[in-house]
ModelCIF file with pLDDT and N, C-alpha, C, O atoms, coordinates in Angstrom:
data_MODEL
#
_entry.id   MODEL 
#
_entity.id                         1 
_entity.type                       polymer 
_entity.pdbx_number_of_molecules   1 
#
_entity_poly.entity_id                      1 
_entity_poly.type                           'polypeptide(L)' 
_entity_poly.nstd_linkage                   no 
_entity_poly.nstd_monomer                   no 
_entity_poly.pdbx_seq_one_letter_code       GYEYVSAEAGDGWDVDDDVIAALAERGKAGAVHVLVVDEHDVPDAAA 
_entity_poly.pdbx_seq_one_letter_code_can   GYEYVSAEAGDGWDVDDDVIAALAERGKAGAVHVLVVDEHDVPDAAA 
_entity_poly.pdbx_strand_id                 A 
#
loop_
_entity_poly_seq.entity_id 
_entity_poly_seq.num 
_entity_poly_seq.mon_id 
_entity_poly_seq.hetero 
1 1  GLY n 
1 2  TYR n 
1 3  GLU n 
1 4  TYR n 
1 5  VAL n 
1 6  SER n 
1 7  ALA n 
1 8  GLU n 
1 9  ALA n 
1 10 GLY n 
1 11 ASP n 
1 12 GLY n 
1 13 TRP n 
1 14 ASP n 
1 15 VAL n 
1 16 ASP n 
1 17 ASP n 
1 18 ASP n 
1 19 VAL n 
1 20 ILE n 
1 21 ALA n 
1 22 ALA n 
1 23 LEU n 
1 24 ALA n 
1 25 GLU n 
1 26 ARG n 
1 27 GLY n 
1 28 LYS n 
1 29 ALA n 
1 30 GLY n 
1 31 ALA n 
1 32 VAL n 
1 33 HIS n 
1 34 VAL n 
1 35 LEU n 
1 36 VAL n 
1 37 VAL n 
1 38 ASP n 
1 39 GLU n 
1 40 HIS n 
1 41 ASP n 
1 42 VAL n 
1 43 PRO n 
1 44 ASP n 
1 45 ALA n 
1 46 ALA n 
1 47 ALA n 
#
_struct_asym.id          A 
_struct_asym.entity_id   1 
#
loop_
_ma_qa_metric.id 
_ma_qa_metric.mode 
_ma_qa_metric.name 
_ma_qa_metric.software_group_id 
_ma_qa_metric.type 
1 global pLDDT . pLDDT 
2 local  pLDDT . pLDDT 
#
_ma_qa_metric_global.metric_id      1 
_ma_qa_metric_global.metric_value   91.15 
_ma_qa_metric_global.model_id       1 
_ma_qa_metric_global.ordinal_id     1 
#
loop_
_ma_qa_metric_local.label_asym_id 
_ma_qa_metric_local.label_comp_id 
_ma_qa_metric_local.label_seq_id 
_ma_qa_metric_local.metric_id 
_ma_qa_metric_local.metric_value 
_ma_qa_metric_local.model_id 
_ma_qa_metric_local.ordinal_id 
A GLY 1  2 98.00 1 1  
A TYR 2  2 98.00 1 2  
A GLU 3  2 96.00 1 3  
A TYR 4  2 96.00 1 4  
A VAL 5  2 93.00 1 5  
A SER 6  2 88.00 1 6  
A ALA 7  2 81.00 1 7  
A GLU 8  2 79.00 1 8  
A ALA 9  2 69.00 1 9  
A GLY 10 2 70.00 1 10 
A ASP 11 2 65.00 1 11 
A GLY 12 2 68.00 1 12 
A TRP 13 2 66.00 1 13 
A ASP 14 2 84.00 1 14 
A VAL 15 2 91.00 1 15 
A ASP 16 2 90.00 1 16 
A ASP 17 2 91.00 1 17 
A ASP 18 2 93.00 1 18 
A VAL 19 2 94.00 1 19 
A ILE 20 2 94.00 1 20 
A ALA 21 2 96.00 1 21 
A ALA 22 2 96.00 1 22 
A LEU 23 2 96.00 1 23 
A ALA 24 2 95.00 1 24 
A GLU 25 2 95.00 1 25 
A ARG 26 2 95.00 1 26 
A GLY 27 2 94.00 1 27 
A LYS 28 2 93.00 1 28 
A ALA 29 2 94.00 1 29 
A GLY 30 2 93.00 1 30 
A ALA 31 2 95.00 1 31 
A VAL 32 2 97.00 1 32 
A HIS 33 2 98.00 1 33 
A VAL 34 2 98.00 1 34 
A LEU 35 2 98.00 1 35 
A VAL 36 2 97.00 1 36 
A VAL 37 2 96.00 1 37 
A ASP 38 2 94.00 1 38 
A GLU 39 2 93.00 1 39 
A HIS 40 2 93.00 1 40 
A ASP 41 2 95.00 1 41 
A VAL 42 2 96.00 1 42 
A PRO 43 2 93.00 1 43 
A ASP 44 2 97.00 1 44 
A ALA 45 2 97.00 1 45 
A ALA 46 2 98.00 1 46 
A ALA 47 2 98.00 1 47 
#
loop_
_atom_site.group_PDB 
_atom_site.id 
_atom_site.type_symbol 
_atom_site.label_atom_id 
_atom_site.label_alt_id 
_atom_site.label_comp_id 
_atom_site.label_asym_id 
_atom_site.label_entity_id 
_atom_site.label_seq_id 
_atom_site.pdbx_PDB_ins_code 
_atom_site.Cartn_x 
_atom_site.Cartn_y 
_atom_site.Cartn_z 
_atom_site.occupancy 
_atom_site.B_iso_or_equiv 
_atom_site.pdbx_formal_charge 
_atom_site.auth_seq_id 
_atom_site.auth_comp_id 
_atom_site.auth_asym_id 
_atom_site.auth_atom_id 
_atom_site.pdbx_PDB_model_num 
ATOM 1   N N  . GLY A 1 1  ? 11.974 -95.931  69.919 1.00 98.00 ? 1  GLY A N  1 
ATOM 2   C CA . GLY A 1 1  ? 13.217 -96.659  69.739 1.00 98.00 ? 1  GLY A CA 1 
ATOM 3   C C  . GLY A 1 1  ? 13.382 -97.182  68.336 1.00 98.00 ? 1  GLY A C  1 
ATOM 4   O O  . GLY A 1 1  ? 12.625 -96.843  67.426 1.00 98.00 ? 1  GLY A O  1 
ATOM 5   N N  . TYR A 1 2  ? 14.390 -98.015  68.183 1.00 98.00 ? 2  TYR A N  1 
ATOM 6   C CA . TYR A 1 2  ? 14.689 -98.597  66.880 1.00 98.00 ? 2  TYR A CA 1 
ATOM 7   C C  . TYR A 1 2  ? 15.300 -99.980  67.038 1.00 98.00 ? 2  TYR A C  1 
ATOM 8   O O  . TYR A 1 2  ? 15.904 -100.307 68.060 1.00 98.00 ? 2  TYR A O  1 
ATOM 9   N N  . GLU A 1 3  ? 15.123 -100.779 65.996 1.00 96.00 ? 3  GLU A N  1 
ATOM 10  C CA . GLU A 1 3  ? 15.706 -102.113 65.924 1.00 96.00 ? 3  GLU A CA 1 
ATOM 11  C C  . GLU A 1 3  ? 16.190 -102.329 64.496 1.00 96.00 ? 3  GLU A C  1 
ATOM 12  O O  . GLU A 1 3  ? 15.414 -102.224 63.546 1.00 96.00 ? 3  GLU A O  1 
ATOM 13  N N  . TYR A 1 4  ? 17.475 -102.630 64.351 1.00 96.00 ? 4  TYR A N  1 
ATOM 14  C CA . TYR A 1 4  ? 18.061 -102.949 63.052 1.00 96.00 ? 4  TYR A CA 1 
ATOM 15  C C  . TYR A 1 4  ? 18.173 -104.465 62.981 1.00 96.00 ? 4  TYR A C  1 
ATOM 16  O O  . TYR A 1 4  ? 18.939 -105.070 63.731 1.00 96.00 ? 4  TYR A O  1 
ATOM 17  N N  . VAL A 1 5  ? 17.417 -105.073 62.090 1.00 93.00 ? 5  VAL A N  1 
ATOM 18  C CA . VAL A 1 5  ? 17.365 -106.523 61.974 1.00 93.00 ? 5  VAL A CA 1 
ATOM 19  C C  . VAL A 1 5  ? 18.417 -106.975 60.970 1.00 93.00 ? 5  VAL A C  1 
ATOM 20  O O  . VAL A 1 5  ? 18.367 -106.623 59.791 1.00 93.00 ? 5  VAL A O  1 
ATOM 21  N N  . SER A 1 6  ? 19.372 -107.765 61.464 1.00 88.00 ? 6  SER A N  1 
ATOM 22  C CA . SER A 1 6  ? 20.445 -108.240 60.585 1.00 88.00 ? 6  SER A CA 1 
ATOM 23  C C  . SER A 1 6  ? 20.800 -109.685 60.903 1.00 88.00 ? 6  SER A C  1 
ATOM 24  O O  . SER A 1 6  ? 20.659 -110.150 62.034 1.00 88.00 ? 6  SER A O  1 
ATOM 25  N N  . ALA A 1 7  ? 21.257 -110.370 59.886 1.00 81.00 ? 7  ALA A N  1 
ATOM 26  C CA . ALA A 1 7  ? 21.729 -111.742 60.071 1.00 81.00 ? 7  ALA A CA 1 
ATOM 27  C C  . ALA A 1 7  ? 22.953 -111.754 60.975 1.00 81.00 ? 7  ALA A C  1 
ATOM 28  O O  . ALA A 1 7  ? 23.132 -112.671 61.777 1.00 81.00 ? 7  ALA A O  1 
ATOM 29  N N  . GLU A 1 8  ? 23.793 -110.736 60.844 1.00 79.00 ? 8  GLU A N  1 
ATOM 30  C CA . GLU A 1 8  ? 25.006 -110.631 61.650 1.00 79.00 ? 8  GLU A CA 1 
ATOM 31  C C  . GLU A 1 8  ? 24.696 -110.693 63.138 1.00 79.00 ? 8  GLU A C  1 
ATOM 32  O O  . GLU A 1 8  ? 25.408 -111.353 63.894 1.00 79.00 ? 8  GLU A O  1 
ATOM 33  N N  . ALA A 1 9  ? 23.635 -110.006 63.563 1.00 69.00 ? 9  ALA A N  1 
ATOM 34  C CA . ALA A 1 9  ? 23.269 -109.967 64.972 1.00 69.00 ? 9  ALA A CA 1 
ATOM 35  C C  . ALA A 1 9  ? 22.338 -111.125 65.351 1.00 69.00 ? 9  ALA A C  1 
ATOM 36  O O  . ALA A 1 9  ? 22.020 -111.317 66.525 1.00 69.00 ? 9  ALA A O  1 
ATOM 37  N N  . GLY A 1 10 ? 21.909 -111.888 64.353 1.00 70.00 ? 10 GLY A N  1 
ATOM 38  C CA . GLY A 1 10 ? 21.019 -113.016 64.633 1.00 70.00 ? 10 GLY A CA 1 
ATOM 39  C C  . GLY A 1 10 ? 19.643 -112.594 65.102 1.00 70.00 ? 10 GLY A C  1 
ATOM 40  O O  . GLY A 1 10 ? 19.006 -113.300 65.884 1.00 70.00 ? 10 GLY A O  1 
ATOM 41  N N  . ASP A 1 11 ? 19.180 -111.444 64.628 1.00 65.00 ? 11 ASP A N  1 
ATOM 42  C CA . ASP A 1 11 ? 17.911 -110.896 65.099 1.00 65.00 ? 11 ASP A CA 1 
ATOM 43  C C  . ASP A 1 11 ? 16.690 -111.680 64.648 1.00 65.00 ? 11 ASP A C  1 
ATOM 44  O O  . ASP A 1 11 ? 15.638 -111.585 65.281 1.00 65.00 ? 11 ASP A O  1 
ATOM 45  N N  . GLY A 1 12 ? 16.797 -112.440 63.589 1.00 68.00 ? 12 GLY A N  1 
ATOM 46  C CA . GLY A 1 12 ? 15.636 -113.113 63.024 1.00 68.00 ? 12 GLY A CA 1 
ATOM 47  C C  . GLY A 1 12 ? 14.933 -114.061 63.965 1.00 68.00 ? 12 GLY A C  1 
ATOM 48  O O  . GLY A 1 12 ? 13.742 -114.319 63.789 1.00 68.00 ? 12 GLY A O  1 
ATOM 49  N N  . TRP A 1 13 ? 15.620 -114.588 64.950 1.00 66.00 ? 13 TRP A N  1 
ATOM 50  C CA . TRP A 1 13 ? 14.978 -115.546 65.860 1.00 66.00 ? 13 TRP A CA 1 
ATOM 51  C C  . TRP A 1 13 ? 14.092 -114.866 66.893 1.00 66.00 ? 13 TRP A C  1 
ATOM 52  O O  . TRP A 1 13 ? 13.123 -115.470 67.355 1.00 66.00 ? 13 TRP A O  1 
ATOM 53  N N  . ASP A 1 14 ? 14.396 -113.623 67.270 1.00 84.00 ? 14 ASP A N  1 
ATOM 54  C CA . ASP A 1 14 ? 13.556 -112.974 68.277 1.00 84.00 ? 14 ASP A CA 1 
ATOM 55  C C  . ASP A 1 14 ? 12.767 -111.784 67.734 1.00 84.00 ? 14 ASP A C  1 
ATOM 56  O O  . ASP A 1 14 ? 11.772 -111.381 68.337 1.00 84.00 ? 14 ASP A O  1 
ATOM 57  N N  . VAL A 1 15 ? 13.185 -111.229 66.632 1.00 91.00 ? 15 VAL A N  1 
ATOM 58  C CA . VAL A 1 15 ? 12.441 -110.132 66.004 1.00 91.00 ? 15 VAL A CA 1 
ATOM 59  C C  . VAL A 1 15 ? 11.906 -110.669 64.676 1.00 91.00 ? 15 VAL A C  1 
ATOM 60  O O  . VAL A 1 15 ? 12.418 -110.366 63.598 1.00 91.00 ? 15 VAL A O  1 
ATOM 61  N N  . ASP A 1 16 ? 10.858 -111.475 64.802 1.00 90.00 ? 16 ASP A N  1 
ATOM 62  C CA . ASP A 1 16 ? 10.263 -112.105 63.626 1.00 90.00 ? 16 ASP A CA 1 
ATOM 63  C C  . ASP A 1 16 ? 9.048  -111.292 63.162 1.00 90.00 ? 16 ASP A C  1 
ATOM 64  O O  . ASP A 1 16 ? 8.776  -110.211 63.686 1.00 90.00 ? 16 ASP A O  1 
ATOM 65  N N  . ASP A 1 17 ? 8.337  -111.818 62.189 1.00 91.00 ? 17 ASP A N  1 
ATOM 66  C CA . ASP A 1 17 ? 7.188  -111.104 61.636 1.00 91.00 ? 17 ASP A CA 1 
ATOM 67  C C  . ASP A 1 17 ? 6.118  -110.819 62.690 1.00 91.00 ? 17 ASP A C  1 
ATOM 68  O O  . ASP A 1 17 ? 5.465  -109.777 62.641 1.00 91.00 ? 17 ASP A O  1 
ATOM 69  N N  . ASP A 1 18 ? 5.934  -111.730 63.636 1.00 93.00 ? 18 ASP A N  1 
ATOM 70  C CA . ASP A 1 18 ? 4.930  -111.518 64.687 1.00 93.00 ? 18 ASP A CA 1 
ATOM 71  C C  . ASP A 1 18 ? 5.308  -110.349 65.588 1.00 93.00 ? 18 ASP A C  1 
ATOM 72  O O  . ASP A 1 18 ? 4.460  -109.532 65.947 1.00 93.00 ? 18 ASP A O  1 
ATOM 73  N N  . VAL A 1 19 ? 6.581  -110.276 65.949 1.00 94.00 ? 19 VAL A N  1 
ATOM 74  C CA . VAL A 1 19 ? 7.062  -109.171 66.796 1.00 94.00 ? 19 VAL A CA 1 
ATOM 75  C C  . VAL A 1 19 ? 6.939  -107.853 66.046 1.00 94.00 ? 19 VAL A C  1 
ATOM 76  O O  . VAL A 1 19 ? 6.488  -106.854 66.607 1.00 94.00 ? 19 VAL A O  1 
ATOM 77  N N  . ILE A 1 20 ? 7.338  -107.849 64.788 1.00 94.00 ? 20 ILE A N  1 
ATOM 78  C CA . ILE A 1 20 ? 7.260  -106.627 63.981 1.00 94.00 ? 20 ILE A CA 1 
ATOM 79  C C  . ILE A 1 20 ? 5.805  -106.167 63.858 1.00 94.00 ? 20 ILE A C  1 
ATOM 80  O O  . ILE A 1 20 ? 5.525  -104.973 63.965 1.00 94.00 ? 20 ILE A O  1 
ATOM 81  N N  . ALA A 1 21 ? 4.885  -107.096 63.637 1.00 96.00 ? 21 ALA A N  1 
ATOM 82  C CA . ALA A 1 21 ? 3.466  -106.749 63.546 1.00 96.00 ? 21 ALA A CA 1 
ATOM 83  C C  . ALA A 1 21 ? 2.935  -106.216 64.874 1.00 96.00 ? 21 ALA A C  1 
ATOM 84  O O  . ALA A 1 21 ? 2.171  -105.251 64.895 1.00 96.00 ? 21 ALA A O  1 
ATOM 85  N N  . ALA A 1 22 ? 3.334  -106.835 65.974 1.00 96.00 ? 22 ALA A N  1 
ATOM 86  C CA . ALA A 1 22 ? 2.895  -106.378 67.296 1.00 96.00 ? 22 ALA A CA 1 
ATOM 87  C C  . ALA A 1 22 ? 3.406  -104.970 67.581 1.00 96.00 ? 22 ALA A C  1 
ATOM 88  O O  . ALA A 1 22 ? 2.673  -104.140 68.118 1.00 96.00 ? 22 ALA A O  1 
ATOM 89  N N  . LEU A 1 23 ? 4.646  -104.700 67.227 1.00 96.00 ? 23 LEU A N  1 
ATOM 90  C CA . LEU A 1 23 ? 5.202  -103.358 67.434 1.00 96.00 ? 23 LEU A CA 1 
ATOM 91  C C  . LEU A 1 23 ? 4.476  -102.330 66.568 1.00 96.00 ? 23 LEU A C  1 
ATOM 92  O O  . LEU A 1 23 ? 4.227  -101.209 67.010 1.00 96.00 ? 23 LEU A O  1 
ATOM 93  N N  . ALA A 1 24 ? 4.140  -102.708 65.344 1.00 95.00 ? 24 ALA A N  1 
ATOM 94  C CA . ALA A 1 24 ? 3.413  -101.794 64.462 1.00 95.00 ? 24 ALA A CA 1 
ATOM 95  C C  . ALA A 1 24 ? 2.033  -101.469 65.041 1.00 95.00 ? 24 ALA A C  1 
ATOM 96  O O  . ALA A 1 24 ? 1.606  -100.315 65.018 1.00 95.00 ? 24 ALA A O  1 
ATOM 97  N N  . GLU A 1 25 ? 1.345  -102.474 65.553 1.00 95.00 ? 25 GLU A N  1 
ATOM 98  C CA . GLU A 1 25 ? 0.028  -102.252 66.159 1.00 95.00 ? 25 GLU A CA 1 
ATOM 99  C C  . GLU A 1 25 ? 0.135  -101.351 67.386 1.00 95.00 ? 25 GLU A C  1 
ATOM 100 O O  . GLU A 1 25 ? -0.696 -100.466 67.588 1.00 95.00 ? 25 GLU A O  1 
ATOM 101 N N  . ARG A 1 26 ? 1.141  -101.577 68.188 1.00 95.00 ? 26 ARG A N  1 
ATOM 102 C CA . ARG A 1 26 ? 1.325  -100.742 69.383 1.00 95.00 ? 26 ARG A CA 1 
ATOM 103 C C  . ARG A 1 26 ? 1.688  -99.318  69.007 1.00 95.00 ? 26 ARG A C  1 
ATOM 104 O O  . ARG A 1 26 ? 1.333  -98.370  69.708 1.00 95.00 ? 26 ARG A O  1 
ATOM 105 N N  . GLY A 1 27 ? 2.399  -99.174  67.892 1.00 94.00 ? 27 GLY A N  1 
ATOM 106 C CA . GLY A 1 27 ? 2.706  -97.834  67.390 1.00 94.00 ? 27 GLY A CA 1 
ATOM 107 C C  . GLY A 1 27 ? 1.445  -97.101  66.963 1.00 94.00 ? 27 GLY A C  1 
ATOM 108 O O  . GLY A 1 27 ? 1.283  -95.916  67.256 1.00 94.00 ? 27 GLY A O  1 
ATOM 109 N N  . LYS A 1 28 ? 0.550  -97.799  66.269 1.00 93.00 ? 28 LYS A N  1 
ATOM 110 C CA . LYS A 1 28 ? -0.714 -97.191  65.847 1.00 93.00 ? 28 LYS A CA 1 
ATOM 111 C C  . LYS A 1 28 ? -1.540 -96.769  67.043 1.00 93.00 ? 28 LYS A C  1 
ATOM 112 O O  . LYS A 1 28 ? -2.237 -95.755  66.999 1.00 93.00 ? 28 LYS A O  1 
ATOM 113 N N  . ALA A 1 29 ? -1.464 -97.543  68.109 1.00 94.00 ? 29 ALA A N  1 
ATOM 114 C CA . ALA A 1 29 ? -2.219 -97.235  69.326 1.00 94.00 ? 29 ALA A CA 1 
ATOM 115 C C  . ALA A 1 29 ? -1.538 -96.167  70.182 1.00 94.00 ? 29 ALA A C  1 
ATOM 116 O O  . ALA A 1 29 ? -2.123 -95.668  71.143 1.00 94.00 ? 29 ALA A O  1 
ATOM 117 N N  . GLY A 1 30 ? -0.301 -95.821  69.828 1.00 93.00 ? 30 GLY A N  1 
ATOM 118 C CA . GLY A 1 30 ? 0.427  -94.802  70.575 1.00 93.00 ? 30 GLY A CA 1 
ATOM 119 C C  . GLY A 1 30 ? 1.125  -95.316  71.815 1.00 93.00 ? 30 GLY A C  1 
ATOM 120 O O  . GLY A 1 30 ? 1.603  -94.525  72.628 1.00 93.00 ? 30 GLY A O  1 
ATOM 121 N N  . ALA A 1 31 ? 1.193  -96.636  71.975 1.00 95.00 ? 31 ALA A N  1 
ATOM 122 C CA . ALA A 1 31 ? 1.787  -97.221  73.174 1.00 95.00 ? 31 ALA A CA 1 
ATOM 123 C C  . ALA A 1 31 ? 3.315  -97.190  73.146 1.00 95.00 ? 31 ALA A C  1 
ATOM 124 O O  . ALA A 1 31 ? 3.958  -96.922  74.161 1.00 95.00 ? 31 ALA A O  1 
ATOM 125 N N  . VAL A 1 32 ? 3.878  -97.461  71.993 1.00 97.00 ? 32 VAL A N  1 
ATOM 126 C CA . VAL A 1 32 ? 5.332  -97.453  71.826 1.00 97.00 ? 32 VAL A CA 1 
ATOM 127 C C  . VAL A 1 32 ? 5.600  -97.279  70.336 1.00 97.00 ? 32 VAL A C  1 
ATOM 128 O O  . VAL A 1 32 ? 4.839  -97.773  69.504 1.00 97.00 ? 32 VAL A O  1 
ATOM 129 N N  . HIS A 1 33 ? 6.666  -96.588  70.004 1.00 98.00 ? 33 HIS A N  1 
ATOM 130 C CA . HIS A 1 33 ? 6.992  -96.308  68.602 1.00 98.00 ? 33 HIS A CA 1 
ATOM 131 C C  . HIS A 1 33 ? 8.394  -96.840  68.325 1.00 98.00 ? 33 HIS A C  1 
ATOM 132 O O  . HIS A 1 33 ? 9.383  -96.296  68.817 1.00 98.00 ? 33 HIS A O  1 
ATOM 133 N N  . VAL A 1 34 ? 8.470  -97.903  67.537 1.00 98.00 ? 34 VAL A N  1 
ATOM 134 C CA . VAL A 1 34 ? 9.755  -98.538  67.244 1.00 98.00 ? 34 VAL A CA 1 
ATOM 135 C C  . VAL A 1 34 ? 9.946  -98.624  65.734 1.00 98.00 ? 34 VAL A C  1 
ATOM 136 O O  . VAL A 1 34 ? 9.136  -99.225  65.028 1.00 98.00 ? 34 VAL A O  1 
ATOM 137 N N  . LEU A 1 35 ? 11.005 -98.030  65.259 1.00 98.00 ? 35 LEU A N  1 
ATOM 138 C CA . LEU A 1 35 ? 11.400 -98.170  63.859 1.00 98.00 ? 35 LEU A CA 1 
ATOM 139 C C  . LEU A 1 35 ? 12.129 -99.494  63.721 1.00 98.00 ? 35 LEU A C  1 
ATOM 140 O O  . LEU A 1 35 ? 13.195 -99.688  64.306 1.00 98.00 ? 35 LEU A O  1 
ATOM 141 N N  . VAL A 1 36 ? 11.557 -100.402 62.949 1.00 97.00 ? 36 VAL A N  1 
ATOM 142 C CA . VAL A 1 36 ? 12.199 -101.680 62.671 1.00 97.00 ? 36 VAL A CA 1 
ATOM 143 C C  . VAL A 1 36 ? 12.695 -101.622 61.236 1.00 97.00 ? 36 VAL A C  1 
ATOM 144 O O  . VAL A 1 36 ? 11.917 -101.441 60.300 1.00 97.00 ? 36 VAL A O  1 
ATOM 145 N N  . VAL A 1 37 ? 14.012 -101.780 61.078 1.00 96.00 ? 37 VAL A N  1 
ATOM 146 C CA . VAL A 1 37 ? 14.621 -101.700 59.760 1.00 96.00 ? 37 VAL A CA 1 
ATOM 147 C C  . VAL A 1 37 ? 15.342 -103.011 59.483 1.00 96.00 ? 37 VAL A C  1 
ATOM 148 O O  . VAL A 1 37 ? 16.204 -103.430 60.256 1.00 96.00 ? 37 VAL A O  1 
ATOM 149 N N  . ASP A 1 38 ? 14.988 -103.653 58.383 1.00 94.00 ? 38 ASP A N  1 
ATOM 150 C CA . ASP A 1 38 ? 15.658 -104.875 57.962 1.00 94.00 ? 38 ASP A CA 1 
ATOM 151 C C  . ASP A 1 38 ? 16.842 -104.502 57.082 1.00 94.00 ? 38 ASP A C  1 
ATOM 152 O O  . ASP A 1 38 ? 16.733 -103.639 56.211 1.00 94.00 ? 38 ASP A O  1 
ATOM 153 N N  . GLU A 1 39 ? 17.958 -105.149 57.312 1.00 93.00 ? 39 GLU A N  1 
ATOM 154 C CA . GLU A 1 39 ? 19.171 -104.844 56.569 1.00 93.00 ? 39 GLU A CA 1 
ATOM 155 C C  . GLU A 1 39 ? 18.966 -104.938 55.054 1.00 93.00 ? 39 GLU A C  1 
ATOM 156 O O  . GLU A 1 39 ? 19.644 -104.241 54.299 1.00 93.00 ? 39 GLU A O  1 
ATOM 157 N N  . HIS A 1 40 ? 18.059 -105.772 54.612 1.00 93.00 ? 40 HIS A N  1 
ATOM 158 C CA . HIS A 1 40 ? 17.824 -105.951 53.175 1.00 93.00 ? 40 HIS A CA 1 
ATOM 159 C C  . HIS A 1 40 ? 17.101 -104.761 52.554 1.00 93.00 ? 40 HIS A C  1 
ATOM 160 O O  . HIS A 1 40 ? 17.133 -104.579 51.337 1.00 93.00 ? 40 HIS A O  1 
ATOM 161 N N  . ASP A 1 41 ? 16.453 -103.953 53.383 1.00 95.00 ? 41 ASP A N  1 
ATOM 162 C CA . ASP A 1 41 ? 15.712 -102.801 52.892 1.00 95.00 ? 41 ASP A CA 1 
ATOM 163 C C  . ASP A 1 41 ? 16.526 -101.519 52.850 1.00 95.00 ? 41 ASP A C  1 
ATOM 164 O O  . ASP A 1 41 ? 16.099 -100.525 52.264 1.00 95.00 ? 41 ASP A O  1 
ATOM 165 N N  . VAL A 1 42 ? 17.695 -101.542 53.471 1.00 96.00 ? 42 VAL A N  1 
ATOM 166 C CA . VAL A 1 42 ? 18.547 -100.335 53.514 1.00 96.00 ? 42 VAL A CA 1 
ATOM 167 C C  . VAL A 1 42 ? 19.987 -100.728 53.143 1.00 96.00 ? 42 VAL A C  1 
ATOM 168 O O  . VAL A 1 42 ? 20.799 -101.012 54.023 1.00 96.00 ? 42 VAL A O  1 
ATOM 169 N N  . PRO A 1 43 ? 20.291 -100.743 51.867 1.00 93.00 ? 43 PRO A N  1 
ATOM 170 C CA . PRO A 1 43 ? 21.608 -101.202 51.432 1.00 93.00 ? 43 PRO A CA 1 
ATOM 171 C C  . PRO A 1 43 ? 22.756 -100.252 51.772 1.00 93.00 ? 43 PRO A C  1 
ATOM 172 O O  . PRO A 1 43 ? 23.922 -100.644 51.718 1.00 93.00 ? 43 PRO A O  1 
ATOM 173 N N  . ASP A 1 44 ? 22.431 -98.997  52.124 1.00 97.00 ? 44 ASP A N  1 
ATOM 174 C CA . ASP A 1 44 ? 23.491 -98.037  52.410 1.00 97.00 ? 44 ASP A CA 1 
ATOM 175 C C  . ASP A 1 44 ? 22.989 -96.967  53.383 1.00 97.00 ? 44 ASP A C  1 
ATOM 176 O O  . ASP A 1 44 ? 21.823 -96.957  53.776 1.00 97.00 ? 44 ASP A O  1 
ATOM 177 N N  . ALA A 1 45 ? 23.900 -96.071  53.758 1.00 97.00 ? 45 ALA A N  1 
ATOM 178 C CA . ALA A 1 45 ? 23.579 -95.037  54.751 1.00 97.00 ? 45 ALA A CA 1 
ATOM 179 C C  . ALA A 1 45 ? 22.470 -94.108  54.267 1.00 97.00 ? 45 ALA A C  1 
ATOM 180 O O  . ALA A 1 45 ? 21.638 -93.679  55.067 1.00 97.00 ? 45 ALA A O  1 
ATOM 181 N N  . ALA A 1 46 ? 22.445 -93.794  52.988 1.00 98.00 ? 46 ALA A N  1 
ATOM 182 C CA . ALA A 1 46 ? 21.413 -92.903  52.458 1.00 98.00 ? 46 ALA A CA 1 
ATOM 183 C C  . ALA A 1 46 ? 20.030 -93.536  52.578 1.00 98.00 ? 46 ALA A C  1 
ATOM 184 O O  . ALA A 1 46 ? 19.065 -92.857  52.929 1.00 98.00 ? 46 ALA A O  1 
ATOM 185 N N  . ALA A 1 47 ? 19.928 -94.827  52.291 1.00 98.00 ? 47 ALA A N  1 
ATOM 186 C CA . ALA A 1 47 ? 18.646 -95.520  52.416 1.00 98.00 ? 47 ALA A CA 1 
ATOM 187 C C  . ALA A 1 47 ? 18.200 -95.578  53.873 1.00 98.00 ? 47 ALA A C  1 
ATOM 188 O O  . ALA A 1 47 ? 17.139 -96.126  54.173 1.00 98.00 ? 47 ALA A O  1 
#
């Protein structure tokens, strides 16, 4: 799956650094694979 973290959606309160780290660890273990993208890291469609 995927999660786009944006201020507009108010994601910062539930998709914080701890959640992102937990998802990354679970991805390494092969349990679940979630692309987490912060709006600040992708300024446009190409990014």
